[in-house]
Amino acid sequence: MTCNIKKLLLFSILTLFLVSCLNPFAPKLVETSRPESILTDQKSPEGVFQNFRYAYNFKDTVVYSKLLADEFVFVYRNYDIGVDRSWGKSEDVKATYGLFQAVNYIELIWNDTYIAIGDSLEKNIQRGFSLTIVFSTNDVVRLQGKGNFKLKFNPIDSIWQITYWRDDTYF
């Protein structure tokens, strides 16, 4: 009889061990064919947008500046005076750095791509985005916008970069 008790005890311990490893309420792990890095090598236009999102979400101006070609131009509409304003790469990196320093949290989510035309050297892409900016717990700004981007392939570095960005965010 002691042998049966030992078997029952061993079976119970084994069952408890196996059951304790299974949580029926936990979500399943997603298995992918290969692990994806957060940053890409910018070998595709989509890689540019992935790095753009990373730069904003982690407030990284080094990554952000590598997205922009030397001839980059940013254009936005100043609705107060009814005119378009623009600036170049260095001003844009400074403005973005200032934004990153001023906020506690920022999150960029890319939405639908409306237009994607071009060839292997240049692309025109129009894409929606959602931007959440948290200055403090009582000061949160949520924006829905659309960006018109021109990207070009940089043959020297073999990467895609943004040459033009028109921000069509409506306040």
C-alpha atoms as a PDB file:
ATOM      1  CA  MET A   1       0.000   0.000   0.000  1.00  0.00           C
ATOM      2  CA  THR A   2       2.870   2.368   0.645  1.00  0.00           C
ATOM      3  CA  CYS A   3       3.951   1.879  -2.953  1.00  0.00           C
ATOM      4  CA  ASN A   4       0.503   3.037  -4.143  1.00  0.00           C
ATOM      5  CA  ILE A   5       0.678   6.085  -1.866  1.00  0.00           C
ATOM      6  CA  LYS A   6       4.104   6.972  -3.243  1.00  0.00           C
ATOM      7  CA  LYS A   7       2.818   6.626  -6.814  1.00  0.00           C
ATOM      8  CA  LEU A   8      -0.238   8.739  -5.998  1.00  0.00           C
ATOM      9  CA  LEU A   9       1.908  11.366  -4.300  1.00  0.00           C
ATOM     10  CA  LEU A  10       4.355  11.435  -7.219  1.00  0.00           C
ATOM     11  CA  PHE A  11       1.481  11.664  -9.705  1.00  0.00           C
ATOM     12  CA  SER A  12      -0.098  14.521  -7.692  1.00  0.00           C
ATOM     13  CA  ILE A  13       3.171  16.469  -7.524  1.00  0.00           C
ATOM     14  CA  LEU A  14       3.788  15.985 -11.233  1.00  0.00           C
ATOM     15  CA  THR A  15       0.241  17.085 -12.069  1.00  0.00           C
ATOM     16  CA  LEU A  16       0.550  20.171  -9.849  1.00  0.00           C
ATOM     17  CA  PHE A  17       3.858  21.049 -11.461  1.00  0.00           C
ATOM     18  CA  LEU A  18       2.466  20.782 -14.984  1.00  0.00           C
ATOM     19  CA  VAL A  19      -0.743  22.655 -14.171  1.00  0.00           C
ATOM     20  CA  SER A  20       1.160  25.450 -12.432  1.00  0.00           C
ATOM     21  CA  CYS A  21       3.011  26.139 -15.694  1.00  0.00           C
ATOM     22  CA  LEU A  22      -0.232  26.737 -17.570  1.00  0.00           C
ATOM     23  CA  ASN A  23      -2.293  29.882 -17.117  1.00  0.00           C
ATOM     24  CA  PRO A  24      -5.529  29.591 -19.098  1.00  0.00           C
ATOM     25  CA  PHE A  25      -6.103  33.362 -18.760  1.00  0.00           C
ATOM     26  CA  ALA A  26      -2.710  34.429 -20.104  1.00  0.00           C
ATOM     27  CA  PRO A  27      -2.518  35.479 -23.744  1.00  0.00           C
ATOM     28  CA  LYS A  28      -0.608  33.167 -26.017  1.00  0.00           C
ATOM     29  CA  LEU A  29       2.839  34.122 -27.160  1.00  0.00           C
ATOM     30  CA  VAL A  30       3.059  35.129 -30.778  1.00  0.00           C
ATOM     31  CA  GLU A  31       5.694  33.147 -32.577  1.00  0.00           C
ATOM     32  CA  THR A  32       7.314  34.864 -35.514  1.00  0.00           C
ATOM     33  CA  SER A  33       9.590  33.455 -38.141  1.00  0.00           C
ATOM     34  CA  ARG A  34      12.301  35.907 -37.149  1.00  0.00           C
ATOM     35  CA  PRO A  35      12.726  38.410 -34.341  1.00  0.00           C
ATOM     36  CA  GLU A  36      12.143  42.001 -35.439  1.00  0.00           C
ATOM     37  CA  SER A  37      14.231  44.849 -34.143  1.00  0.00           C
ATOM     38  CA  ILE A  38      12.685  48.139 -33.153  1.00  0.00           C
ATOM     39  CA  LEU A  39      15.072  50.072 -35.384  1.00  0.00           C
ATOM     40  CA  THR A  40      15.520  49.229 -39.029  1.00  0.00           C
ATOM     41  CA  ASP A  41      18.358  49.808 -41.447  1.00  0.00           C
ATOM     42  CA  GLN A  42      16.169  52.216 -43.512  1.00  0.00           C
ATOM     43  CA  LYS A  43      16.537  50.033 -46.600  1.00  0.00           C
ATOM     44  CA  SER A  44      12.869  50.618 -47.451  1.00  0.00           C
ATOM     45  CA  PRO A  45      10.387  53.485 -47.140  1.00  0.00           C
ATOM     46  CA  GLU A  46       8.490  51.480 -44.505  1.00  0.00           C
ATOM     47  CA  GLY A  47      11.748  51.224 -42.538  1.00  0.00           C
ATOM     48  CA  VAL A  48      11.936  55.028 -42.541  1.00  0.00           C
ATOM     49  CA  PHE A  49       8.469  55.237 -40.983  1.00  0.00           C
ATOM     50  CA  GLN A  50       9.325  52.578 -38.411  1.00  0.00           C
ATOM     51  CA  ASN A  51      12.438  54.524 -37.385  1.00  0.00           C
ATOM     52  CA  PHE A  52      10.413  57.758 -37.396  1.00  0.00           C
ATOM     53  CA  ARG A  53       7.988  56.217 -34.916  1.00  0.00           C
ATOM     54  CA  TYR A  54      10.888  54.949 -32.788  1.00  0.00           C
ATOM     55  CA  ALA A  55      12.512  58.404 -32.784  1.00  0.00           C
ATOM     56  CA  TYR A  56       9.327  60.071 -31.574  1.00  0.00           C
ATOM     57  CA  ASN A  57       8.272  57.428 -29.067  1.00  0.00           C
ATOM     58  CA  PHE A  58      11.738  57.275 -27.491  1.00  0.00           C
ATOM     59  CA  LYS A  59      12.462  61.000 -27.998  1.00  0.00           C
ATOM     60  CA  ASP A  60      15.654  60.209 -29.919  1.00  0.00           C
ATOM     61  CA  THR A  61      16.892  63.123 -32.042  1.00  0.00           C
ATOM     62  CA  VAL A  62      19.950  61.189 -33.236  1.00  0.00           C
ATOM     63  CA  VAL A  63      17.737  58.613 -34.949  1.00  0.00           C
ATOM     64  CA  TYR A  64      15.383  61.384 -36.094  1.00  0.00           C
ATOM     65  CA  SER A  65      18.143  63.415 -37.771  1.00  0.00           C
ATOM     66  CA  LYS A  66      19.303  60.346 -39.742  1.00  0.00           C
ATOM     67  CA  LEU A  67      15.822  60.115 -41.269  1.00  0.00           C
ATOM     68  CA  LEU A  68      16.198  63.522 -42.900  1.00  0.00           C
ATOM     69  CA  ALA A  69      18.175  64.219 -46.063  1.00  0.00           C
ATOM     70  CA  ASP A  70      20.459  67.261 -46.044  1.00  0.00           C
ATOM     71  CA  GLU A  71      18.049  69.105 -48.364  1.00  0.00           C
ATOM     72  CA  PHE A  72      15.031  68.276 -46.160  1.00  0.00           C
ATOM     73  CA  VAL A  73      12.180  70.814 -46.001  1.00  0.00           C
ATOM     74  CA  PHE A  74       9.360  70.801 -43.445  1.00  0.00           C
ATOM     75  CA  VAL A  75       6.152  72.670 -44.329  1.00  0.00           C
ATOM     76  CA  TYR A  76       3.179  73.426 -42.100  1.00  0.00           C
ATOM     77  CA  ARG A  77       0.167  75.706 -42.253  1.00  0.00           C
ATOM     78  CA  ASN A  78       0.029  78.612 -39.800  1.00  0.00           C
ATOM     79  CA  TYR A  79      -3.738  78.927 -39.484  1.00  0.00           C
ATOM     80  CA  ASP A  80      -3.510  82.093 -37.356  1.00  0.00           C
ATOM     81  CA  ILE A  81      -2.181  84.127 -40.284  1.00  0.00           C
ATOM     82  CA  GLY A  82      -3.295  81.844 -43.105  1.00  0.00           C
ATOM     83  CA  VAL A  83       0.083  81.095 -44.692  1.00  0.00           C
ATOM     84  CA  ASP A  84       2.412  78.150 -45.089  1.00  0.00           C
ATOM     85  CA  ARG A  85       5.686  78.206 -43.165  1.00  0.00           C
ATOM     86  CA  SER A  86       8.753  76.071 -43.835  1.00  0.00           C
ATOM     87  CA  TRP A  87      12.232  75.344 -42.542  1.00  0.00           C
ATOM     88  CA  GLY A  88      15.179  73.071 -43.254  1.00  0.00           C
ATOM     89  CA  LYS A  89      16.804  70.107 -41.579  1.00  0.00           C
ATOM     90  CA  SER A  90      18.806  71.878 -38.865  1.00  0.00           C
ATOM     91  CA  GLU A  91      15.821  73.972 -37.739  1.00  0.00           C
ATOM     92  CA  ASP A  92      13.588  70.916 -37.758  1.00  0.00           C
ATOM     93  CA  VAL A  93      15.984  68.860 -35.642  1.00  0.00           C
ATOM     94  CA  LYS A  94      16.250  71.771 -33.160  1.00  0.00           C
ATOM     95  CA  ALA A  95      12.457  72.160 -33.024  1.00  0.00           C
ATOM     96  CA  THR A  96      11.993  68.413 -32.560  1.00  0.00           C
ATOM     97  CA  TYR A  97      14.640  68.365 -29.813  1.00  0.00           C
ATOM     98  CA  GLY A  98      12.783  71.204 -28.074  1.00  0.00           C
ATOM     99  CA  LEU A  99       9.517  69.279 -28.324  1.00  0.00           C
ATOM    100  CA  PHE A 100      11.101  66.120 -26.941  1.00  0.00           C
ATOM    101  CA  GLN A 101      12.589  68.073 -24.006  1.00  0.00           C
ATOM    102  CA  ALA A 102       9.298  69.832 -23.221  1.00  0.00           C
ATOM    103  CA  VAL A 103       7.124  66.731 -22.949  1.00  0.00           C
ATOM    104  CA  ASN A 104       6.855  63.948 -20.417  1.00  0.00           C
ATOM    105  CA  TYR A 105       5.568  61.452 -22.951  1.00  0.00           C
ATOM    106  CA  ILE A 106       4.953  61.329 -26.672  1.00  0.00           C
ATOM    107  CA  GLU A 107       3.461  58.570 -28.795  1.00  0.00           C
ATOM    108  CA  LEU A 108       3.262  58.425 -32.566  1.00  0.00           C
ATOM    109  CA  ILE A 109       1.099  55.844 -34.298  1.00  0.00           C
ATOM    110  CA  TRP A 110       1.091  55.588 -38.074  1.00  0.00           C
ATOM    111  CA  ASN A 111      -2.337  55.010 -39.582  1.00  0.00           C
ATOM    112  CA  ASP A 112      -3.412  54.279 -43.142  1.00  0.00           C
ATOM    113  CA  THR A 113      -1.291  55.072 -46.159  1.00  0.00           C
ATOM    114  CA  TYR A 114      -3.481  56.985 -48.615  1.00  0.00           C
ATOM    115  CA  ILE A 115      -1.018  57.420 -51.449  1.00  0.00           C
ATOM    116  CA  ALA A 116       2.259  55.643 -52.188  1.00  0.00           C
ATOM    117  CA  ILE A 117       3.626  56.334 -55.647  1.00  0.00           C
ATOM    118  CA  GLY A 118       7.105  56.396 -57.060  1.00  0.00           C
ATOM    119  CA  ASP A 119       9.915  54.178 -58.169  1.00  0.00           C
ATOM    120  CA  SER A 120      13.079  52.612 -56.764  1.00  0.00           C
ATOM    121  CA  LEU A 121      14.707  56.021 -56.186  1.00  0.00           C
ATOM    122  CA  GLU A 122      11.871  58.344 -55.092  1.00  0.00           C
ATOM    123  CA  LYS A 123       8.526  57.878 -53.369  1.00  0.00           C
ATOM    124  CA  ASN A 124       5.637  60.199 -52.574  1.00  0.00           C
ATOM    125  CA  ILE A 125       3.722  58.909 -49.577  1.00  0.00           C
ATOM    126  CA  GLN A 126       0.668  60.375 -47.886  1.00  0.00           C
ATOM    127  CA  ARG A 127      -0.113  58.795 -44.576  1.00  0.00           C
ATOM    128  CA  GLY A 128      -2.281  59.411 -41.534  1.00  0.00           C
ATOM    129  CA  PHE A 129      -1.043  59.489 -37.971  1.00  0.00           C
ATOM    130  CA  SER A 130      -2.169  59.842 -34.368  1.00  0.00           C
ATOM    131  CA  LEU A 131       0.048  61.802 -32.012  1.00  0.00           C
ATOM    132  CA  THR A 132      -0.379  61.946 -28.245  1.00  0.00           C
ATOM    133  CA  ILE A 133       1.687  64.556 -26.417  1.00  0.00           C
ATOM    134  CA  VAL A 134       1.706  64.619 -22.610  1.00  0.00           C
ATOM    135  CA  PHE A 135       3.158  67.785 -21.110  1.00  0.00           C
ATOM    136  CA  SER A 136       1.761  66.948 -17.655  1.00  0.00           C
ATOM    137  CA  THR A 137      -1.056  64.851 -16.240  1.00  0.00           C
ATOM    138  CA  ASN A 138      -3.432  67.786 -16.777  1.00  0.00           C
ATOM    139  CA  ASP A 139      -2.072  68.855 -20.161  1.00  0.00           C
ATOM    140  CA  VAL A 140      -2.505  66.167 -22.812  1.00  0.00           C
ATOM    141  CA  VAL A 141      -2.808  66.919 -26.522  1.00  0.00           C
ATOM    142  CA  ARG A 142      -4.162  64.333 -28.957  1.00  0.00           C
ATOM    143  CA  LEU A 143      -3.801  65.049 -32.644  1.00  0.00           C
ATOM    144  CA  GLN A 144      -4.986  63.295 -35.765  1.00  0.00           C
ATOM    145  CA  GLY A 145      -3.137  64.357 -38.857  1.00  0.00           C
ATOM    146  CA  LYS A 146      -1.905  63.553 -42.272  1.00  0.00           C
ATOM    147  CA  GLY A 147       1.623  63.866 -43.560  1.00  0.00           C
ATOM    148  CA  ASN A 148       2.700  64.245 -47.151  1.00  0.00           C
ATOM    149  CA  PHE A 149       6.219  62.880 -47.505  1.00  0.00           C
ATOM    150  CA  LYS A 150       8.760  62.729 -50.286  1.00  0.00           C
ATOM    151  CA  LEU A 151      11.446  60.118 -49.775  1.00  0.00           C
ATOM    152  CA  LYS A 152      14.520  59.426 -51.822  1.00  0.00           C
ATOM    153  CA  PHE A 153      17.029  56.632 -51.899  1.00  0.00           C
ATOM    154  CA  ASN A 154      20.482  57.811 -50.826  1.00  0.00           C
ATOM    155  CA  PRO A 155      22.899  55.730 -52.940  1.00  0.00           C
ATOM    156  CA  ILE A 156      25.942  56.720 -50.869  1.00  0.00           C
ATOM    157  CA  ASP A 157      24.572  55.274 -47.619  1.00  0.00           C
ATOM    158  CA  SER A 158      22.126  52.872 -49.330  1.00  0.00           C
ATOM    159  CA  ILE A 159      19.229  54.138 -47.204  1.00  0.00           C
ATOM    160  CA  TRP A 160      15.935  55.931 -47.756  1.00  0.00           C
ATOM    161  CA  GLN A 161      15.572  59.446 -46.331  1.00  0.00           C
ATOM    162  CA  ILE A 162      12.861  62.097 -46.122  1.00  0.00           C
ATOM    163  CA  THR A 163      13.413  65.139 -48.360  1.00  0.00           C
ATOM    164  CA  TYR A 164      10.038  66.816 -47.799  1.00  0.00           C
ATOM    165  CA  TRP A 165       7.335  66.668 -45.155  1.00  0.00           C
ATOM    166  CA  ARG A 166       4.154  68.678 -45.298  1.00  0.00           C
ATOM    167  CA  ASP A 167       2.237  68.358 -42.045  1.00  0.00           C
ATOM    168  CA  ASP A 168      -1.503  68.612 -42.661  1.00  0.00           C
ATOM    169  CA  THR A 169      -2.597  68.404 -39.038  1.00  0.00           C
ATOM    170  CA  TYR A 170      -5.759  70.341 -38.321  1.00  0.00           C
ATOM    171  CA  PHE A 171      -6.128  71.866 -34.874  1.00  0.00           C
END
